[in-house]
Each structure stands twice: as C-alpha cells, then as structure tokens.
Protein backbone atom coordinates (compact mmCIF):
# COMPACT_ATOMS: atom_id res chain seq x y z
CA MET A 1 19.58 24.27 -85.76
CA PRO A 2 16.72 21.73 -85.99
CA HIS A 3 13.36 23.39 -85.73
CA GLU A 4 12.20 21.21 -82.82
CA LEU A 5 15.03 22.58 -80.61
CA THR A 6 13.70 26.14 -80.95
CA ILE A 7 10.05 25.39 -80.15
CA PRO A 8 9.18 26.51 -76.59
CA ALA A 9 8.56 23.62 -74.21
CA SER A 10 5.20 23.18 -72.57
CA SER A 11 4.52 24.72 -69.18
CA ALA A 12 4.54 21.25 -67.60
CA ILE A 13 8.06 20.60 -68.86
CA LEU A 14 9.20 24.04 -67.70
CA ALA A 15 7.70 23.36 -64.25
CA VAL A 16 9.58 20.05 -64.06
CA ALA A 17 12.84 21.78 -65.12
CA SER A 18 12.39 24.50 -62.49
CA THR A 19 11.66 21.86 -59.86
CA VAL A 20 14.88 19.98 -60.74
CA HIS A 21 16.91 23.18 -60.51
CA PHE A 22 15.24 24.14 -57.24
CA ALA A 23 15.93 20.68 -55.78
CA LEU A 24 19.61 20.94 -56.77
CA ALA A 25 19.81 24.40 -55.21
CA MET A 26 18.23 23.20 -51.95
CA LEU A 27 20.51 20.16 -51.85
CA ARG A 28 23.55 22.37 -52.37
CA ARG A 29 22.43 24.76 -49.63
CA HIS A 30 21.80 22.04 -47.08
CA ARG A 31 25.06 20.24 -47.83
CA SER A 32 27.33 23.23 -47.22
CA TRP A 33 25.26 25.99 -45.61
CA PRO A 34 22.72 24.18 -43.43
CA HIS A 35 22.53 26.81 -40.67
CA ARG A 36 22.60 30.05 -42.62
CA PHE A 37 21.94 31.43 -46.08
CA SER A 38 25.10 32.02 -48.09
CA PRO A 39 25.26 34.23 -51.20
CA TYR A 40 26.90 31.27 -52.93
CA ALA A 41 23.51 29.54 -52.82
CA LEU A 42 21.83 32.27 -54.90
CA PRO A 43 22.99 31.13 -58.39
CA GLY A 44 21.22 27.81 -57.91
CA PHE A 45 17.92 29.49 -57.11
CA VAL A 46 18.34 31.92 -60.02
CA LEU A 47 18.85 28.95 -62.35
CA ALA A 48 15.53 27.56 -61.09
CA LEU A 49 13.79 30.61 -62.61
CA LEU A 50 15.65 30.75 -65.95
CA PRO A 51 13.79 27.84 -67.68
CA TRP A 52 10.87 30.26 -68.04
CA VAL A 53 13.21 32.81 -69.66
CA PHE A 54 14.85 30.27 -72.00
CA PRO A 55 12.02 27.77 -72.55
CA THR A 56 13.45 25.97 -75.59
CA PRO A 57 14.93 22.45 -75.35
CA ASP A 58 18.44 23.67 -76.11
CA GLY A 59 18.03 26.42 -73.52
CA LEU A 60 16.87 23.92 -70.92
CA GLY A 61 19.79 21.64 -71.71
CA ALA A 62 22.31 24.47 -71.43
CA LEU A 63 20.83 25.56 -68.09
CA LEU A 64 21.02 22.02 -66.73
CA ILE A 65 24.67 21.69 -67.78
CA ALA A 66 25.43 25.08 -66.22
CA HIS A 67 23.77 24.08 -62.97
CA LEU A 68 25.63 20.77 -62.79
CA LEU A 69 28.94 22.57 -63.37
CA TRP A 70 28.07 25.10 -60.64
CA PHE A 71 27.07 22.26 -58.29
CA GLY A 72 30.39 20.49 -58.90
CA ALA A 73 32.37 23.68 -58.38
CA CYS A 74 30.61 24.29 -55.06
CA GLU A 75 31.27 20.70 -53.99
CA ARG A 76 34.98 21.30 -54.47
CA ALA A 77 35.13 24.79 -52.98
CA PHE A 78 32.61 24.28 -50.16
CA PRO A 79 32.57 20.58 -49.22
CA PRO A 80 29.76 19.47 -46.91
CA PRO A 81 30.56 19.35 -43.19
CA LEU A 82 31.81 16.10 -41.74
CA PRO A 83 29.08 13.85 -40.32
CA LEU A 84 28.57 14.01 -36.57
CA PRO A 85 30.43 11.20 -34.79
CA PRO A 86 28.48 9.21 -32.19
CA GLY A 87 28.08 11.11 -28.93
CA TRP A 88 28.54 14.54 -30.48
CA VAL A 89 25.90 17.23 -30.96
CA GLU A 90 25.92 20.55 -32.76
CA THR A 91 24.91 23.70 -30.92
CA ARG A 92 24.59 27.38 -31.84
CA VAL A 93 26.90 30.08 -30.50
CA LEU A 94 24.77 32.77 -28.85
CA ALA A 95 27.49 35.34 -28.18
CA THR A 96 31.23 35.91 -27.91
CA ILE A 97 32.64 38.12 -25.15
CA ASP A 98 36.22 39.39 -24.96
CA GLN A 99 37.48 39.06 -21.38
CA THR A 100 41.04 40.22 -22.07
CA GLU A 101 43.15 40.81 -25.14
CA ASP A 102 43.61 37.05 -25.64
CA ILE A 103 40.80 35.40 -23.62
CA ARG A 104 37.34 35.14 -25.17
CA THR A 105 34.17 33.61 -23.79
CA PHE A 106 32.00 31.59 -26.18
CA ARG A 107 28.41 31.38 -24.98
CA MET A 108 26.44 28.61 -26.69
CA ARG A 109 23.01 27.07 -26.42
CA ARG A 110 23.05 24.28 -23.85
CA PRO A 111 22.10 20.97 -25.51
CA LYS A 112 19.54 18.78 -23.84
CA GLY A 113 21.07 16.37 -21.33
CA PHE A 114 24.31 18.35 -20.91
CA ASP A 115 24.30 18.30 -17.12
CA PHE A 116 27.61 18.98 -15.41
CA LYS A 117 29.31 19.74 -12.12
CA PRO A 118 31.27 22.97 -11.59
CA GLY A 119 34.87 22.37 -12.65
CA GLN A 120 34.18 19.92 -15.46
CA PHE A 121 35.17 20.43 -19.07
CA LEU A 122 33.49 20.41 -22.47
CA SER A 123 34.98 18.58 -25.46
CA VAL A 124 34.86 20.74 -28.59
CA GLN A 125 35.52 19.66 -32.17
CA VAL A 126 36.98 22.39 -34.39
CA PRO A 127 37.81 21.99 -38.10
CA VAL A 128 41.35 23.14 -38.89
CA ASP A 129 42.53 22.84 -42.52
CA GLY A 130 39.68 20.43 -43.17
CA LYS A 131 40.63 18.12 -40.31
CA PRO A 132 38.46 17.87 -37.17
CA LEU A 133 40.59 18.53 -34.09
CA ILE A 134 39.32 17.97 -30.55
CA ARG A 135 40.18 20.01 -27.49
CA CYS A 136 38.74 20.19 -23.99
CA TYR A 137 37.87 23.50 -22.38
CA SER A 138 36.68 24.01 -18.81
CA ILE A 139 33.12 25.27 -18.50
CA SER A 140 33.08 28.74 -16.97
CA SER A 141 29.31 29.08 -16.54
CA ALA A 142 27.45 27.63 -13.56
CA PRO A 143 25.14 24.59 -13.81
CA GLN A 144 22.22 26.82 -12.80
CA ASP A 145 22.28 28.47 -16.25
CA ARG A 146 19.94 25.99 -17.91
CA ASP A 147 19.81 27.71 -21.31
CA ALA A 148 23.48 28.20 -22.09
CA LEU A 149 27.01 26.91 -21.64
CA GLU A 150 30.13 29.06 -21.63
CA ILE A 151 33.76 28.23 -22.28
CA SER A 152 36.46 30.88 -21.95
CA VAL A 153 39.44 30.20 -24.22
CA LYS A 154 42.89 31.77 -24.32
CA ARG A 155 44.32 32.21 -27.81
CA GLN A 156 47.55 30.21 -27.49
CA GLY A 157 47.50 27.34 -29.95
CA LEU A 158 46.24 25.97 -33.25
CA VAL A 159 42.71 25.09 -32.16
CA SER A 160 42.17 28.00 -29.78
CA GLY A 161 43.44 30.31 -32.52
CA ALA A 162 40.90 28.83 -34.94
CA LEU A 163 38.11 29.36 -32.39
CA HIS A 164 39.06 33.01 -31.96
CA LYS A 165 39.38 33.57 -35.69
CA THR A 166 36.34 31.76 -37.08
CA VAL A 167 33.64 31.39 -34.41
CA ARG A 168 31.14 34.22 -34.14
CA ARG A 169 27.58 34.74 -32.93
CA GLY A 170 25.42 32.41 -35.03
CA SER A 171 28.24 29.92 -35.68
CA HIS A 172 27.78 26.29 -34.73
CA LEU A 173 30.09 24.18 -32.60
CA ARG A 174 30.27 20.42 -32.21
CA VAL A 175 30.44 19.46 -28.56
CA ARG A 176 30.45 16.33 -26.43
CA LYS A 177 28.86 15.94 -22.99
CA PRO A 178 30.75 17.50 -20.06
CA ALA A 179 33.11 15.26 -18.12
CA GLY A 180 36.10 15.33 -15.80
CA PRO A 181 36.95 14.43 -12.18
CA PHE A 182 37.91 17.97 -11.09
CA VAL A 183 34.67 19.14 -9.46
CA TYR A 184 33.33 21.46 -6.78
CA PRO A 185 33.58 19.93 -3.27
CA GLU A 186 29.85 19.77 -2.60
CA GLY A 187 28.37 19.52 0.88
CA ASP A 188 31.61 20.28 2.73
CA PRO A 189 31.17 23.02 5.36
CA ARG A 190 34.87 23.91 5.46
CA PRO A 191 35.99 27.18 3.83
CA LEU A 192 36.86 26.88 0.15
CA VAL A 193 39.86 28.62 -1.42
CA LEU A 194 40.04 28.77 -5.23
CA LEU A 195 43.56 29.42 -6.54
CA ALA A 196 43.63 30.47 -10.19
CA GLY A 197 46.47 31.39 -12.50
CA GLY A 198 45.43 33.39 -15.58
CA VAL A 199 42.97 31.48 -17.77
CA GLY A 200 42.98 28.77 -15.10
CA ILE A 201 40.13 30.75 -13.59
CA THR A 202 37.64 29.12 -16.01
CA PRO A 203 36.63 26.07 -13.93
CA LEU A 204 37.00 28.04 -10.70
CA ILE A 205 34.65 30.87 -11.66
CA SER A 206 32.07 28.17 -12.36
CA MET A 207 32.63 26.93 -8.79
CA LEU A 208 32.43 30.48 -7.41
CA ARG A 209 29.16 31.20 -9.20
CA HIS A 210 27.75 27.84 -8.12
CA ALA A 211 28.66 28.31 -4.46
CA ALA A 212 27.00 31.72 -4.34
CA VAL A 213 23.68 30.12 -5.38
CA VAL A 214 23.77 26.68 -3.77
CA GLU A 215 25.82 27.32 -0.61
CA PRO A 216 25.54 31.07 0.04
CA GLU A 217 26.66 30.69 3.67
CA ARG A 218 29.90 28.96 2.79
CA ARG A 219 33.09 31.02 2.98
CA VAL A 220 34.57 31.00 -0.52
CA THR A 221 37.71 32.91 -1.50
CA LEU A 222 38.94 33.24 -5.06
CA VAL A 223 42.60 34.23 -5.46
CA LEU A 224 43.43 35.08 -9.07
CA SER A 225 47.09 35.51 -9.99
CA VAL A 226 47.82 37.49 -13.19
CA LYS A 227 50.82 39.28 -14.67
CA THR A 228 49.20 42.72 -14.99
CA GLU A 229 45.83 44.29 -14.24
CA ASP A 230 44.97 44.12 -17.94
CA ASP A 231 45.15 40.32 -17.73
CA VAL A 232 42.20 40.00 -15.32
CA PRO A 233 39.31 38.13 -17.02
CA PHE A 234 35.71 38.61 -15.83
CA ARG A 235 36.94 41.82 -14.20
CA ASP A 236 33.62 43.67 -13.86
CA GLU A 237 31.85 40.65 -12.40
CA LEU A 238 34.63 39.79 -9.98
CA MET A 239 35.16 43.35 -8.77
CA GLY A 240 31.61 43.46 -7.43
CA PHE A 241 31.18 39.81 -6.49
CA ALA A 242 31.84 40.17 -2.76
CA GLN A 243 29.34 43.04 -2.50
CA ARG A 244 26.59 40.85 -3.92
CA HIS A 245 27.66 37.77 -1.97
CA PRO A 246 28.95 38.71 1.50
CA LYS A 247 30.40 35.26 2.27
CA SER A 248 32.58 35.40 -0.85
CA ARG A 249 35.88 37.18 -1.35
CA VAL A 250 37.88 37.87 -4.51
CA VAL A 251 41.57 38.78 -4.39
CA PHE A 252 43.75 39.77 -7.36
CA ALA A 253 47.46 39.01 -7.08
CA VAL A 254 49.30 41.07 -9.71
CA THR A 255 52.91 40.03 -10.27
CA ARG A 256 54.07 42.86 -12.56
CA GLY A 257 53.62 46.62 -12.64
CA ALA A 258 51.58 48.94 -10.47
CA VAL A 259 48.36 47.75 -8.87
CA SER A 260 45.12 49.43 -7.90
CA PRO A 261 44.16 49.85 -4.25
CA GLY A 262 42.91 46.63 -2.71
CA MET A 263 44.96 44.38 -4.98
CA HIS A 264 47.86 42.23 -3.80
CA SER A 265 51.19 43.15 -5.36
CA GLY A 266 53.29 40.05 -6.00
CA ARG A 267 52.79 36.33 -6.07
CA VAL A 268 50.50 34.30 -3.87
CA ASP A 269 52.48 33.51 -0.73
CA GLY A 270 52.10 32.15 2.78
CA PRO A 271 51.34 35.46 4.53
CA LEU A 272 48.57 36.20 2.02
CA LEU A 273 46.92 32.82 2.57
CA GLN A 274 47.34 33.18 6.33
CA ARG A 275 45.62 36.55 6.19
CA LEU A 276 42.78 35.31 3.97
CA THR A 277 42.02 32.10 5.85
CA GLY A 278 43.22 32.63 9.39
CA ASP A 279 44.10 28.95 9.50
CA PRO A 280 45.18 27.62 6.06
CA SER A 281 44.97 23.99 7.23
CA ALA A 282 41.23 24.33 7.90
CA ALA A 283 40.29 25.06 4.25
CA ILE A 284 39.72 23.04 1.09
CA TYR A 285 41.75 24.19 -1.93
CA CYS A 286 40.93 23.88 -5.63
CA MET A 287 43.52 25.19 -8.07
CA CYS A 288 43.93 25.54 -11.79
CA GLY A 289 46.64 27.26 -13.80
CA PRO A 290 50.07 26.75 -15.36
CA LEU A 291 51.85 23.62 -14.21
CA PRO A 292 54.67 25.49 -12.38
CA MET A 293 52.02 27.47 -10.48
CA ILE A 294 50.21 24.28 -9.44
CA ASP A 295 53.45 22.65 -8.27
CA GLY A 296 54.43 25.80 -6.38
CA MET A 297 51.05 26.07 -4.68
CA LYS A 298 51.18 22.44 -3.59
CA GLU A 299 54.57 23.01 -1.99
CA LEU A 300 53.35 26.21 -0.33
CA LEU A 301 50.24 24.55 1.08
CA ALA A 302 52.28 21.61 2.36
CA SER A 303 54.55 24.08 4.18
CA LEU A 304 51.42 25.58 5.78
CA GLN A 305 50.46 22.15 7.14
CA VAL A 306 47.54 21.70 4.73
CA PRO A 307 46.80 17.95 4.35
CA ALA A 308 47.26 16.67 0.80
CA ASP A 309 43.69 15.34 0.63
CA GLN A 310 42.42 18.93 1.03
CA VAL A 311 44.19 20.05 -2.15
CA ARG A 312 42.66 19.39 -5.57
CA ALA A 313 44.10 20.51 -8.89
CA GLU A 314 43.01 20.55 -12.51
CA ALA A 315 45.29 18.15 -14.40
CA PHE A 316 44.87 19.14 -18.05
CA GLU A 317 48.13 20.96 -18.46
CA ALA A 318 49.97 17.98 -17.03
CA ALA A 319 48.23 15.84 -19.62
CA VAL A 320 49.10 18.23 -22.43
CA ALA A 321 52.70 18.31 -21.28
CA SER A 322 52.91 14.53 -21.49
CA VAL A 323 51.45 14.60 -25.00
CA SER A 324 53.83 17.27 -26.27
CA GLY A 325 56.66 14.81 -26.75
CA PRO A 326 55.09 11.37 -27.36
CA PRO A 327 57.23 8.42 -26.29
CA GLY A 328 56.94 4.94 -27.72
CA ALA A 329 58.73 3.00 -30.43
CA LYS A 330 61.01 4.79 -32.87
CA GLU A 331 60.02 2.40 -35.67
CA PRO A 332 56.53 1.33 -36.89
CA VAL A 333 54.94 -1.46 -34.84
CA ASN A 334 51.89 -3.67 -35.24
CA LEU A 335 48.72 -3.14 -33.21
CA VAL A 336 46.13 -5.93 -32.97
CA LEU A 337 42.54 -5.05 -31.98
CA THR A 338 40.88 -8.10 -30.42
CA LYS A 339 37.22 -7.03 -30.59
CA THR A 340 37.28 -6.03 -34.24
CA GLY A 341 39.87 -8.59 -35.29
CA ARG A 342 41.85 -5.95 -37.13
CA LYS A 343 45.56 -5.30 -37.38
CA VAL A 344 47.07 -1.89 -38.07
CA ARG A 345 50.58 -0.59 -38.61
CA VAL A 346 51.38 2.20 -36.12
CA PRO A 347 54.00 4.77 -37.13
CA PRO A 348 56.14 6.51 -34.46
CA GLY A 349 54.36 9.31 -32.63
CA ARG A 350 50.81 8.04 -33.26
CA SER A 351 48.78 7.31 -30.13
CA LEU A 352 46.92 4.02 -29.70
CA LEU A 353 43.60 5.89 -29.98
CA GLU A 354 44.60 7.49 -33.29
CA ALA A 355 45.77 4.11 -34.60
CA ALA A 356 42.54 2.38 -33.52
CA GLU A 357 40.44 5.12 -35.13
CA ALA A 358 42.41 4.75 -38.38
CA ALA A 359 41.55 1.04 -38.32
CA GLY A 360 37.83 1.76 -37.85
CA ALA A 361 37.65 0.70 -34.20
CA GLU A 362 35.47 2.81 -31.92
CA ILE A 363 37.01 3.50 -28.52
CA PRO A 364 34.88 5.81 -26.35
CA PHE A 365 36.71 9.03 -25.54
CA SER A 366 36.06 12.54 -24.36
CA CYS A 367 39.07 14.61 -23.33
CA ARG A 368 41.90 13.03 -25.38
CA SER A 369 44.17 14.22 -22.56
CA GLY A 370 44.24 11.22 -20.23
CA VAL A 371 42.02 12.87 -17.66
CA CYS A 372 38.40 11.84 -18.13
CA ARG A 373 38.90 8.02 -18.03
CA SER A 374 36.45 7.52 -20.93
CA CYS A 375 38.88 5.55 -23.14
CA ARG A 376 40.17 3.13 -20.46
CA THR A 377 41.25 -0.02 -22.35
CA ARG A 378 43.13 -3.17 -21.36
CA VAL A 379 46.43 -4.12 -22.96
CA VAL A 380 46.42 -7.86 -23.71
CA ALA A 381 50.00 -8.17 -24.94
CA GLY A 382 53.01 -6.01 -25.66
CA GLU A 383 54.52 -2.97 -24.01
CA VAL A 384 52.72 0.38 -23.89
CA GLU A 385 53.87 3.68 -22.43
CA CYS A 386 51.17 5.88 -20.92
CA GLU A 387 51.52 9.03 -18.81
CA ALA A 388 47.83 9.78 -18.24
CA PRO A 389 47.32 11.79 -15.03
CA ALA A 390 44.22 9.75 -14.18
CA LEU A 391 45.88 6.32 -14.58
CA ASP A 392 46.39 4.98 -11.07
CA ALA A 393 48.63 2.15 -9.88
CA GLU A 394 45.72 -0.30 -9.60
CA ASP A 395 44.76 0.12 -13.26
CA ARG A 396 48.39 -0.09 -14.36
CA ASP A 397 48.84 -3.36 -12.47
CA ALA A 398 45.66 -4.72 -14.08
CA GLY A 399 47.01 -3.93 -17.55
CA TYR A 400 44.82 -0.94 -18.37
CA THR A 401 45.89 2.13 -20.31
CA TYR A 402 44.31 5.30 -21.71
CA PRO A 403 44.84 5.03 -25.50
CA CYS A 404 44.44 8.77 -26.07
CA VAL A 405 47.83 9.39 -24.40
CA ALA A 406 49.41 5.97 -24.81
CA TRP A 407 52.06 4.86 -27.30
CA ALA A 408 53.16 1.36 -28.26
CA LYS A 409 56.77 0.55 -27.45
CA SER A 410 56.53 -2.81 -29.22
CA ASN A 411 54.02 -4.91 -31.16
CA CYS A 412 50.95 -5.03 -28.94
CA THR A 413 47.33 -6.14 -28.62
CA ILE A 414 44.51 -4.21 -26.97
CA GLU A 415 40.83 -4.94 -26.27
CA ALA A 416 39.26 -2.73 -28.92
C-alpha cells in the first residue's frame, strides 16, 4: 500500500469528513423519519464519528463508500413520505381510544383553521402498500374542543384496517379541512332526535355534545341502535349524559340478546318514538347508519306523519354503495381536459377524477364520495354516468357532474 494512504489525515480533513457523514445522516433521518427518531438512523451518526477512529485516507474512503451504500439501502427500504398535496396538512395523533372491539377513536391535534360544524367529516389520507388512499370519516368531537379533533373508525375495510393496525399515539395523519352538508340544525327550537345505527353515531355524538354546550335548553334525544350491549360505543359517556344535561336523553335499542334495565329491547319502532317525543311530527330528525336502517327510518317517520323536510340523513354509505360497482364504458375511452389541453385514455372502472389526476390535472376534491360538492365540474361533450348523492336535477340539467363518482360512457370532454 502506498505510504501516503497510511498517513493520518489532518484534523481539518477529519472534521470535514465527519461533517459530510453527519449531513448524510441528518438528510436520511429527515427524509424517512422526520417526526421521530428511528434506530435505523443510528448507523449514519456512528459513521460520522468513525473518521477519527480510522483517520487514514483509505479509511476515510472506505467509510464514505460504506455510508453511501447504507444511504442507498435505506432509500430502498424506507422511502421518504409522499409530498403533501395542496390543501392537505399533517397532524399528530394524541391518543387512540378503543370504544368497542372494532371501533377506535383517533384523537389528533386540531390544525389551525380547521373549523367545522357538528356532523361534518374529515378527509384522511392513509398509505396502503405505498399508495395514498383517501377516506372520509365523520368528526365525533364537538367544535368547542379547540385543541383536538376526533374521528371514530370501525375496522371494516382496507383503509380503516390500516388505521387500526398502524396508527398509534405519536403517529402523524394527513388530513384535509372538514366539509359536508350534513350538519346540526342550528337555531331551531324544535326538539331534536338523533337516530344512530352502530358506528353511525360518530357525527351524531358531535351534535349531541355541541347541543349540550350551545343550546342546553333544547330537548335532544339520541337513539342508538346496536346488535348487542357490547357494541355500544362511547358507553361510559352516554350512560351518564342525561344526568349531566337534564334536557338530553340517551336511549339504547339492542336488537339481539338480553338487555340491561332501562334499555329498549328490539329495533327502533313507532311506539318507541311516540313515547320519546310525544308528537313525532313536531321534532327534527338527524340520522346516520347503514343504508337499510336509513331507508327504514325514513319510511317509519313518514308513517308517523313527519314532514320530509324535517328528516336529514348522512349520505356517505349511499355514495360508497354507488362506487362499489362503477358503471361506465366497458372499453377504454378518451377524455379531453379543456383547461389543461390534455387528452388521456380512460380504462373501464376508472373514475373521471382518477383519470384527470393521472393526466396531471388538478380538480379540487374532499370526500371522493360524491357528497361534499368540492369537485363539481361541467361536462362539455360526451356521456357521463354519475350517481353522486349531492348531484341535484338542476346541476344535471346544466351539464355538471362530480368526477369523483362519475364514469365516462363514451369519449368525453370536461372543464378541467
């Protein structure tokens, strides 16, 4: 070995080598572990100290090669998180709380400017197999909680399963500002009845909590229908709610098995609503739950002479149902985007929003369920099929669609 490769380098050179290693270690940490310290970051910082242990030129060269190989291996094994899309923010999870065996509340720090009305939802972006997937979850906390937001999620699908499996206290979630037309009927003196089915309680408990603070003299009744007593979320809070708020009432309707004293055995029916309200037609109703439950409650209320404009329902499940089997063309079609001047080939089953995103066009969106109205876009030419719950006859006649739940039936052009 040449003699000059075994002569120790000067302290200035060693300082520069340590600085380079330290910079690589910090870059690696911030690319993949920006919110916490991972043990996988340690080798990089150890390498920053080793130039002083192996101060020769060949030692420094070997250490640099080793660090570059380690950096590359980490890039492959722990790729940096995807950049935040416009309109999204990242917030820290403060706590997770198990409500039932399959319903968990995620309490997160409330980002600045995230004002909402009781009943609205939060859009959440969750990475699944390296792909960011977006779902909307009703906010279960009340607007008066200025420091935190809560969503309560039932483990029943790909994204909700990933939330339950991977998100813990200290994790970070990407969220978009609250939205949605299903909101608490503010300033209405009539009694309010909240009809919830299972996890459908999430927007309604936000309304219940809100009413107790803002309108404490208003008569509010929450009727929660569950299969068994073990399926009651927020049980401790709800059991004592009426004692703390005399104008409020909470009723559990248990459809299977034995029930505790004070609970209603069986489904929600006309006699129960008659007993709770005295005059069902005098109340406002907000409901959220499985689609068959919502349809059944609407029929029941109509039979009790409740006017249709006094009945409001969360529409997400209807939106999800329409997305479950996407219509549209059976063969690829062409989509022209007028604002960007781009043309994209759309395969069967891909929504207009997904196709536009693939072409680099930015269409504002929030719920991706056809509810929030954020992605409202006009169809210039062609035939599009859209089953968005929020798309009314006036917008249809004017040529508008909601690309998040719309599929091209032929070659078409949209304003995007």
